[in-house]
Amino acid sequence: QVQLVESGGGLVQAGGSLRLSCAASGRTFSSHAMGWFRQAPGNEREFVAALGWSGSPTYYADSVKGRFTISRDNAKNTVYLQMNSLKPEDTAVYYCAADRFLDTVRAGSGGMDYWGKGTLVTVSS
């Protein structure tokens, strides 16, 4: 089984930056599409970004386009989310996810193969 562990969350002022990491165990990481989701208090979980096994294509929610960048390093079994120009509305628990099919990650389908436990990002104004 693949396990996903997020890190890099914390408290940052509006306009600042954070880089989230998602470390994966298992031998099948490089064959999985990866994604990031987030859930703010009282809100539904929402899609943030996704990418294919080779690092492309990439997809982003409209709310983060131009500010967030998703990438992966298959040699390190790690996916990243670089978050710049952070806004208070970005405050949420951020979750890493993986699936054999990019369409599943992109759609945030219930059949996602793996989920991490999340890391909290708090952006102050």
C-alpha atoms as a PDB file:
ATOM      1  CA  GLN A   1       0.000   0.000   0.000  1.00  0.00           C
ATOM      2  CA  VAL A   2       1.137   3.544  -0.754  1.00  0.00           C
ATOM      3  CA  GLN A   3       1.243   5.963   2.183  1.00  0.00           C
ATOM      4  CA  LEU A   4       1.251   9.741   1.766  1.00  0.00           C
ATOM      5  CA  VAL A   5       2.587  12.159   4.397  1.00  0.00           C
ATOM      6  CA  GLU A   6       2.207  15.926   3.972  1.00  0.00           C
ATOM      7  CA  SER A   7       4.481  18.523   5.550  1.00  0.00           C
ATOM      8  CA  GLY A   8       5.323  22.208   5.243  1.00  0.00           C
ATOM      9  CA  GLY A   9       2.156  23.779   6.558  1.00  0.00           C
ATOM     10  CA  GLY A  10       2.179  26.570   9.093  1.00  0.00           C
ATOM     11  CA  LEU A  11       1.289  30.179   9.800  1.00  0.00           C
ATOM     12  CA  VAL A  12       2.178  32.835   7.247  1.00  0.00           C
ATOM     13  CA  GLN A  13       1.175  36.444   6.619  1.00  0.00           C
ATOM     14  CA  ALA A  14      -0.842  37.422   3.571  1.00  0.00           C
ATOM     15  CA  GLY A  15       1.432  37.848   0.571  1.00  0.00           C
ATOM     16  CA  GLY A  16       3.905  35.297   1.859  1.00  0.00           C
ATOM     17  CA  SER A  17       4.868  31.875   0.555  1.00  0.00           C
ATOM     18  CA  LEU A  18       4.922  28.268   1.692  1.00  0.00           C
ATOM     19  CA  ARG A  19       6.019  25.044   0.052  1.00  0.00           C
ATOM     20  CA  LEU A  20       4.090  21.907   0.899  1.00  0.00           C
ATOM     21  CA  SER A  21       5.620  18.480   0.433  1.00  0.00           C
ATOM     22  CA  CYS A  22       3.973  15.087   0.130  1.00  0.00           C
ATOM     23  CA  ALA A  23       6.270  12.126   0.637  1.00  0.00           C
ATOM     24  CA  ALA A  24       5.076   8.781  -0.675  1.00  0.00           C
ATOM     25  CA  SER A  25       6.112   5.285   0.277  1.00  0.00           C
ATOM     26  CA  GLY A  26       5.871   2.291  -2.002  1.00  0.00           C
ATOM     27  CA  ARG A  27       7.289   1.281  -5.348  1.00  0.00           C
ATOM     28  CA  THR A  28       4.380   2.521  -7.464  1.00  0.00           C
ATOM     29  CA  PHE A  29       4.641   6.279  -6.837  1.00  0.00           C
ATOM     30  CA  SER A  30       6.019   7.077 -10.274  1.00  0.00           C
ATOM     31  CA  SER A  31       3.033   5.402 -11.933  1.00  0.00           C
ATOM     32  CA  HIS A  32       0.467   7.533 -10.083  1.00  0.00           C
ATOM     33  CA  ALA A  33      -1.041  10.877 -10.889  1.00  0.00           C
ATOM     34  CA  MET A  34      -0.895  13.238  -7.907  1.00  0.00           C
ATOM     35  CA  GLY A  35      -2.963  16.085  -6.601  1.00  0.00           C
ATOM     36  CA  TRP A  36      -3.615  18.560  -3.820  1.00  0.00           C
ATOM     37  CA  PHE A  37      -6.960  19.355  -2.224  1.00  0.00           C
ATOM     38  CA  ARG A  38      -7.947  21.629   0.627  1.00  0.00           C
ATOM     39  CA  GLN A  39     -10.743  21.995   3.134  1.00  0.00           C
ATOM     40  CA  ALA A  40     -11.418  25.185   5.064  1.00  0.00           C
ATOM     41  CA  PRO A  41     -13.444  25.154   8.299  1.00  0.00           C
ATOM     42  CA  GLY A  42     -17.122  24.769   7.494  1.00  0.00           C
ATOM     43  CA  ASN A  43     -16.457  24.268   3.780  1.00  0.00           C
ATOM     44  CA  GLU A  44     -16.442  21.325   1.412  1.00  0.00           C
ATOM     45  CA  ARG A  45     -13.167  19.827   0.289  1.00  0.00           C
ATOM     46  CA  GLU A  46     -12.075  21.430  -2.969  1.00  0.00           C
ATOM     47  CA  PHE A  47      -9.644  20.640  -5.742  1.00  0.00           C
ATOM     48  CA  VAL A  48      -6.440  22.698  -5.843  1.00  0.00           C
ATOM     49  CA  ALA A  49      -4.032  21.162  -8.364  1.00  0.00           C
ATOM     50  CA  ALA A  50      -3.121  17.928 -10.142  1.00  0.00           C
ATOM     51  CA  LEU A  51      -0.412  16.532 -12.426  1.00  0.00           C
ATOM     52  CA  GLY A  52       0.392  13.381 -14.337  1.00  0.00           C
ATOM     53  CA  TRP A  53       3.023  10.784 -13.528  1.00  0.00           C
ATOM     54  CA  SER A  54       5.701  12.528 -15.606  1.00  0.00           C
ATOM     55  CA  GLY A  55       4.998  15.971 -14.159  1.00  0.00           C
ATOM     56  CA  SER A  56       2.636  16.961 -16.957  1.00  0.00           C
ATOM     57  CA  PRO A  57      -0.024  17.882 -17.768  1.00  0.00           C
ATOM     58  CA  THR A  58      -0.915  20.105 -14.836  1.00  0.00           C
ATOM     59  CA  TYR A  59      -4.285  21.450 -13.754  1.00  0.00           C
ATOM     60  CA  TYR A  60      -5.207  24.172 -11.285  1.00  0.00           C
ATOM     61  CA  ALA A  61      -8.310  25.533  -9.676  1.00  0.00           C
ATOM     62  CA  ASP A  62      -9.136  29.019 -10.929  1.00  0.00           C
ATOM     63  CA  SER A  63      -8.680  30.392  -7.422  1.00  0.00           C
ATOM     64  CA  VAL A  64      -4.968  29.472  -7.344  1.00  0.00           C
ATOM     65  CA  LYS A  65      -3.863  29.865 -10.971  1.00  0.00           C
ATOM     66  CA  GLY A  66      -0.799  32.062 -11.253  1.00  0.00           C
ATOM     67  CA  ARG A  67      -0.021  31.716  -7.544  1.00  0.00           C
ATOM     68  CA  PHE A  68       0.420  27.977  -6.884  1.00  0.00           C
ATOM     69  CA  THR A  69       2.654  25.495  -8.705  1.00  0.00           C
ATOM     70  CA  ILE A  70       2.447  21.713  -8.434  1.00  0.00           C
ATOM     71  CA  SER A  71       5.497  19.606  -9.246  1.00  0.00           C
ATOM     72  CA  ARG A  72       6.931  16.180  -8.522  1.00  0.00           C
ATOM     73  CA  ASP A  73      10.303  14.544  -8.102  1.00  0.00           C
ATOM     74  CA  ASN A  74       9.869  10.863  -8.816  1.00  0.00           C
ATOM     75  CA  ALA A  75      13.430  10.101  -7.724  1.00  0.00           C
ATOM     76  CA  LYS A  76      12.476  11.357  -4.248  1.00  0.00           C
ATOM     77  CA  ASN A  77       8.921   9.972  -4.285  1.00  0.00           C
ATOM     78  CA  THR A  78       7.698  13.464  -3.468  1.00  0.00           C
ATOM     79  CA  VAL A  79       5.134  15.908  -4.830  1.00  0.00           C
ATOM     80  CA  TYR A  80       5.254  19.619  -4.000  1.00  0.00           C
ATOM     81  CA  LEU A  81       2.880  22.545  -3.901  1.00  0.00           C
ATOM     82  CA  GLN A  82       4.624  25.911  -4.041  1.00  0.00           C
ATOM     83  CA  MET A  83       2.203  28.549  -2.775  1.00  0.00           C
ATOM     84  CA  ASN A  84       3.004  32.204  -3.423  1.00  0.00           C
ATOM     85  CA  SER A  85       1.055  35.411  -2.819  1.00  0.00           C
ATOM     86  CA  LEU A  86      -0.992  33.675  -0.163  1.00  0.00           C
ATOM     87  CA  LYS A  87      -4.356  35.093   0.810  1.00  0.00           C
ATOM     88  CA  PRO A  88      -6.423  34.612   3.983  1.00  0.00           C
ATOM     89  CA  GLU A  89      -8.934  32.617   1.928  1.00  0.00           C
ATOM     90  CA  ASP A  90      -6.197  30.052   1.260  1.00  0.00           C
ATOM     91  CA  THR A  91      -6.405  29.032   4.915  1.00  0.00           C
ATOM     92  CA  ALA A  92      -7.304  25.341   5.014  1.00  0.00           C
ATOM     93  CA  VAL A  93      -6.081  21.854   5.694  1.00  0.00           C
ATOM     94  CA  TYR A  94      -4.258  20.739   2.560  1.00  0.00           C
ATOM     95  CA  TYR A  95      -4.400  17.088   1.529  1.00  0.00           C
ATOM     96  CA  CYS A  96      -2.214  15.151  -0.868  1.00  0.00           C
ATOM     97  CA  ALA A  97      -3.849  12.488  -3.028  1.00  0.00           C
ATOM     98  CA  ALA A  98      -2.777   9.859  -5.546  1.00  0.00           C
ATOM     99  CA  ASP A  99      -4.504   7.708  -8.122  1.00  0.00           C
ATOM    100  CA  ARG A 100      -3.559   5.561 -11.076  1.00  0.00           C
ATOM    101  CA  PHE A 101      -5.636   7.809 -13.336  1.00  0.00           C
ATOM    102  CA  LEU A 102      -5.167  11.553 -13.739  1.00  0.00           C
ATOM    103  CA  ASP A 103      -8.862  12.038 -14.472  1.00  0.00           C
ATOM    104  CA  THR A 104      -9.698  10.659 -11.035  1.00  0.00           C
ATOM    105  CA  VAL A 105      -7.334  13.110  -9.328  1.00  0.00           C
ATOM    106  CA  ARG A 106      -8.465  16.011 -11.487  1.00  0.00           C
ATOM    107  CA  ALA A 107     -12.115  15.337 -10.687  1.00  0.00           C
ATOM    108  CA  GLY A 108     -11.545  14.585  -7.019  1.00  0.00           C
ATOM    109  CA  SER A 109     -13.514  11.384  -7.445  1.00  0.00           C
ATOM    110  CA  GLY A 110     -14.544   9.300  -4.484  1.00  0.00           C
ATOM    111  CA  GLY A 111     -12.553   6.404  -5.868  1.00  0.00           C
ATOM    112  CA  MET A 112      -9.193   8.043  -5.135  1.00  0.00           C
ATOM    113  CA  ASP A 113      -6.596   5.374  -4.440  1.00  0.00           C
ATOM    114  CA  TYR A 114      -4.745   7.174  -1.616  1.00  0.00           C
ATOM    115  CA  TRP A 115      -5.094  10.200   0.670  1.00  0.00           C
ATOM    116  CA  GLY A 116      -2.697  11.815   3.104  1.00  0.00           C
ATOM    117  CA  LYS A 117      -3.761  13.016   6.543  1.00  0.00           C
ATOM    118  CA  GLY A 118      -3.338  16.703   5.724  1.00  0.00           C
ATOM    119  CA  THR A 119      -1.268  19.686   6.818  1.00  0.00           C
ATOM    120  CA  LEU A 120      -2.719  22.960   8.095  1.00  0.00           C
ATOM    121  CA  VAL A 121      -2.003  26.239   6.332  1.00  0.00           C
ATOM    122  CA  THR A 122      -3.082  29.436   8.088  1.00  0.00           C
ATOM    123  CA  VAL A 123      -2.758  32.790   6.331  1.00  0.00           C
ATOM    124  CA  SER A 124      -3.179  35.894   8.474  1.00  0.00           C
ATOM    125  CA  SER A 125      -4.192  39.320   7.205  1.00  0.00           C
END
